[in-house]
Amino acid sequence: MLNEQVQKSNRRKLLLLLALMCAPVVISYALYFLDYKPESKHYGDLIPIVKVTGKATNQVDNTILRMKDLHGKWVLVTIDSGHCDEACQQKLYFMRQVRLVQGKQKHRIERLWLINDDVIPDAELVKEYEGTFFAKAQDSEILGFIETKEIQTKHIYLIDPMGNLMMRFPENVDGTKMGHDIKRLLHVSQLEH
C-alpha cells in the first residue's frame, strides 16, 4: 500500500513537472494564434530596416555628402522641396529642438534635409537651422531607400548609427513624444561613440 502511494506521488510530480515545462510553449503559441500584441512605449513607427547608402551634394559648401560619413551617429532625416513650406519648416524646427533637448548626448545626433528638387533653400532658413546638412538629393539613390515619393515628405525619419533606416515619426509630429523616443534610444544604445 505504501508503495502505491509513493508511485502516485511520483506520477503527480512528473505530471506537474511536464506541465511546468510545456506551459511556456503552450502560452506562446496561444498568444501567437490569438494575435496578441503588447502595447509599445515608442511613439515613432518601426519600419522594415533598410541600409541607406549613396551620396548627395551638401549645398552649404558644395561638397559630396556620403551616407557612410554619418555612420556612428543617429540621423534625423526630412525630405522636402527647397521651397520649404510651413510643414517643412515645422519638421526642421522639431528636428533641431529634439536634438537640443538631449543635452550632453546631442553630439550623437545629426540632422539631414534631403532636398528633392533643384530649388536652393532660402539663405535665412539655412542660417536658422545651422548644423543641419542641406543635401541636394534629387537624382540621388538615397531617396530610393526611403519609402515612396508620396509618403517621403510627410514624415521625419530616423537612421541608426550603422546606417539603417529604422523608424519614422507620424505626420504632424509631437516634438515632446519624439524627444522621449530619441532619449530612450540614446540611453539603450550600446554603441561606442
Protein backbone atom coordinates (compact mmCIF):
# COMPACT_ATOMS: atom_id res chain seq x y z
CA MET A 1 0.00 0.00 0.00
CA LEU A 2 2.83 2.36 0.88
CA ASN A 3 4.47 1.53 -2.45
CA GLU A 4 1.29 2.55 -4.35
CA GLN A 5 1.18 5.91 -2.56
CA VAL A 6 4.81 6.59 -3.48
CA GLN A 7 4.12 5.70 -7.13
CA LYS A 8 1.04 8.01 -7.23
CA SER A 9 3.05 10.79 -5.62
CA ASN A 10 5.86 10.32 -8.14
CA ARG A 11 3.37 10.35 -11.05
CA ARG A 12 1.82 13.62 -9.80
CA LYS A 13 5.25 15.18 -9.50
CA LEU A 14 6.19 14.02 -13.00
CA LEU A 15 2.93 15.36 -14.50
CA LEU A 16 3.36 18.68 -12.66
CA LEU A 17 6.95 18.94 -13.90
CA LEU A 18 5.86 18.22 -17.50
CA ALA A 19 3.07 20.80 -17.24
CA LEU A 20 5.51 23.42 -15.98
CA MET A 21 7.98 22.65 -18.78
CA CYS A 22 5.31 22.77 -21.51
CA ALA A 23 3.50 25.86 -20.18
CA PRO A 24 5.75 28.50 -21.86
CA VAL A 25 5.44 26.78 -25.24
CA VAL A 26 1.65 26.43 -24.95
CA ILE A 27 1.29 30.06 -23.80
CA SER A 28 3.50 31.38 -26.60
CA TYR A 29 1.52 29.50 -29.26
CA ALA A 30 -1.76 30.72 -27.75
CA LEU A 31 -0.56 34.36 -27.83
CA TYR A 32 0.67 33.94 -31.39
CA PHE A 33 -2.57 32.46 -32.72
CA LEU A 34 -4.70 34.97 -30.80
CA ASP A 35 -2.59 37.72 -32.46
CA TYR A 36 -1.73 39.31 -29.12
CA LYS A 37 0.49 42.39 -29.37
CA PRO A 38 1.51 44.16 -26.18
CA GLU A 39 1.37 47.94 -26.10
CA SER A 40 4.64 49.55 -27.09
CA LYS A 41 6.23 52.52 -25.42
CA HIS A 42 7.61 54.12 -28.57
CA TYR A 43 5.93 56.99 -30.40
CA GLY A 44 7.57 56.53 -33.79
CA ASP A 45 6.65 53.70 -36.12
CA LEU A 46 9.24 50.98 -36.52
CA ILE A 47 9.63 50.25 -40.21
CA PRO A 48 11.42 47.43 -42.02
CA ILE A 49 15.14 48.04 -41.63
CA VAL A 50 16.87 49.21 -44.81
CA LYS A 51 20.56 50.03 -45.18
CA VAL A 52 20.73 53.55 -46.65
CA THR A 53 23.66 54.17 -48.98
CA GLY A 54 24.51 56.73 -51.59
CA LYS A 55 25.64 60.30 -51.82
CA ALA A 56 24.25 63.77 -52.30
CA THR A 57 25.64 67.30 -52.66
CA ASN A 58 25.93 69.33 -49.47
CA GLN A 59 24.52 72.71 -50.52
CA VAL A 60 26.20 74.72 -47.79
CA ASP A 61 29.75 74.10 -49.01
CA ASN A 62 29.09 72.23 -52.30
CA THR A 63 30.87 69.06 -51.14
CA ILE A 64 29.86 65.43 -51.56
CA LEU A 65 27.95 64.03 -48.58
CA ARG A 66 28.11 60.24 -48.39
CA MET A 67 25.70 58.44 -46.10
CA LYS A 68 28.62 56.43 -44.74
CA ASP A 69 30.10 59.74 -43.48
CA LEU A 70 27.22 59.88 -40.99
CA HIS A 71 27.79 56.38 -39.58
CA GLY A 72 28.27 56.36 -35.83
CA LYS A 73 25.53 58.97 -35.33
CA TRP A 74 21.76 58.82 -35.08
CA VAL A 75 20.42 60.81 -38.05
CA LEU A 76 17.07 62.62 -38.15
CA VAL A 77 16.05 62.92 -41.80
CA THR A 78 13.44 65.02 -43.55
CA ILE A 79 12.73 65.12 -47.28
CA ASP A 80 11.22 68.21 -48.88
CA SER A 81 11.40 70.74 -51.66
CA GLY A 82 13.87 73.60 -51.37
CA HIS A 83 10.86 75.95 -51.23
CA CYS A 84 10.23 74.59 -47.70
CA ASP A 85 6.62 75.36 -46.89
CA GLU A 86 5.23 75.64 -43.35
CA ALA A 87 5.11 71.85 -42.80
CA CYS A 88 8.75 71.55 -43.91
CA GLN A 89 9.83 74.34 -41.56
CA GLN A 90 7.95 72.70 -38.71
CA LYS A 91 9.82 69.42 -39.30
CA LEU A 92 13.16 71.25 -39.34
CA TYR A 93 12.19 73.03 -36.12
CA PHE A 94 11.27 69.78 -34.33
CA MET A 95 14.46 68.09 -35.52
CA ARG A 96 16.54 70.96 -34.11
CA GLN A 97 14.63 71.11 -30.81
CA VAL A 98 14.66 67.34 -30.25
CA ARG A 99 18.43 67.37 -30.72
CA LEU A 100 18.88 70.30 -28.34
CA VAL A 101 16.85 68.75 -25.50
CA GLN A 102 19.16 65.73 -25.44
CA GLY A 103 21.68 67.85 -23.52
CA LYS A 104 25.08 66.15 -23.24
CA GLN A 105 24.01 63.47 -25.73
CA LYS A 106 23.15 65.88 -28.55
CA HIS A 107 26.55 65.31 -30.19
CA ARG A 108 25.34 61.79 -31.05
CA ILE A 109 22.59 63.15 -33.32
CA GLU A 110 22.84 64.69 -36.81
CA ARG A 111 20.11 66.36 -38.85
CA LEU A 112 19.77 65.83 -42.58
CA TRP A 113 17.45 67.58 -45.00
CA LEU A 114 17.30 65.76 -48.34
CA ILE A 115 16.16 68.35 -50.90
CA ASN A 116 14.23 66.52 -53.59
CA ASP A 117 14.24 69.24 -56.29
CA ASP A 118 16.51 71.89 -57.87
CA VAL A 119 15.37 74.72 -55.59
CA ILE A 120 18.06 76.18 -53.34
CA PRO A 121 16.73 76.90 -49.82
CA ASP A 122 16.49 80.49 -48.64
CA ALA A 123 19.71 81.77 -47.00
CA GLU A 124 17.80 82.82 -43.84
CA LEU A 125 16.45 79.29 -43.49
CA VAL A 126 19.94 77.82 -43.85
CA LYS A 127 21.21 80.23 -41.18
CA GLU A 128 18.29 79.49 -38.82
CA TYR A 129 18.92 75.73 -38.98
CA GLU A 130 22.70 75.88 -38.96
CA GLY A 131 24.23 72.48 -38.26
CA THR A 132 21.69 70.68 -40.43
CA PHE A 133 23.08 69.01 -43.55
CA PHE A 134 21.25 70.53 -46.54
CA ALA A 135 21.76 67.87 -49.20
CA LYS A 136 20.59 68.13 -52.80
CA ALA A 137 19.32 64.61 -53.38
CA GLN A 138 17.02 64.98 -56.40
CA ASP A 139 18.92 62.44 -58.51
CA SER A 140 20.46 60.56 -55.59
CA GLU A 141 19.88 56.88 -54.91
CA ILE A 142 19.33 57.78 -51.23
CA LEU A 143 15.70 58.71 -51.88
CA GLY A 144 15.04 55.24 -53.32
CA PHE A 145 15.65 53.68 -49.90
CA ILE A 146 13.06 55.86 -48.13
CA GLU A 147 9.50 54.73 -48.90
CA THR A 148 7.57 56.18 -51.86
CA LYS A 149 7.67 59.75 -53.15
CA GLU A 150 4.11 60.40 -51.95
CA ILE A 151 4.94 59.43 -48.35
CA GLN A 152 8.54 60.67 -48.08
CA THR A 153 7.70 64.32 -47.44
CA LYS A 154 5.15 63.61 -44.70
CA HIS A 155 7.47 62.17 -42.05
CA ILE A 156 10.68 62.64 -40.12
CA TYR A 157 12.80 59.51 -40.38
CA LEU A 158 15.47 58.09 -38.11
CA ILE A 159 18.63 56.31 -39.26
CA ASP A 160 20.61 54.36 -36.66
CA PRO A 161 24.39 54.68 -36.17
CA MET A 162 25.04 51.75 -38.53
CA GLY A 163 23.24 53.48 -41.42
CA ASN A 164 19.93 51.60 -41.20
CA LEU A 165 16.64 53.40 -41.75
CA MET A 166 14.58 52.03 -38.87
CA MET A 167 11.87 54.43 -37.71
CA ARG A 168 9.56 57.16 -38.93
CA PHE A 169 7.62 59.63 -36.86
CA PRO A 170 3.96 60.41 -37.57
CA GLU A 171 2.80 63.23 -39.78
CA ASN A 172 2.12 66.33 -37.63
CA VAL A 173 4.70 65.09 -35.16
CA ASP A 174 4.53 65.73 -31.41
CA GLY A 175 8.01 67.03 -30.55
CA THR A 176 7.82 66.01 -26.90
CA LYS A 177 7.00 62.38 -27.67
CA MET A 178 9.60 62.31 -30.42
CA GLY A 179 12.18 63.64 -27.96
CA HIS A 180 11.32 60.88 -25.46
CA ASP A 181 11.84 58.23 -28.17
CA ILE A 182 15.23 59.64 -29.08
CA LYS A 183 16.26 59.94 -25.42
CA ARG A 184 15.31 56.29 -24.84
CA LEU A 185 17.26 55.16 -27.91
CA LEU A 186 20.34 57.10 -26.87
CA HIS A 187 20.08 55.62 -23.39
CA VAL A 188 19.85 52.00 -24.50
CA SER A 189 22.29 52.32 -27.38
CA GLN A 190 25.37 50.24 -26.66
CA LEU A 191 27.50 51.58 -29.49
CA GLU A 192 30.74 53.32 -28.64
CA HIS A 193 30.72 57.00 -29.51
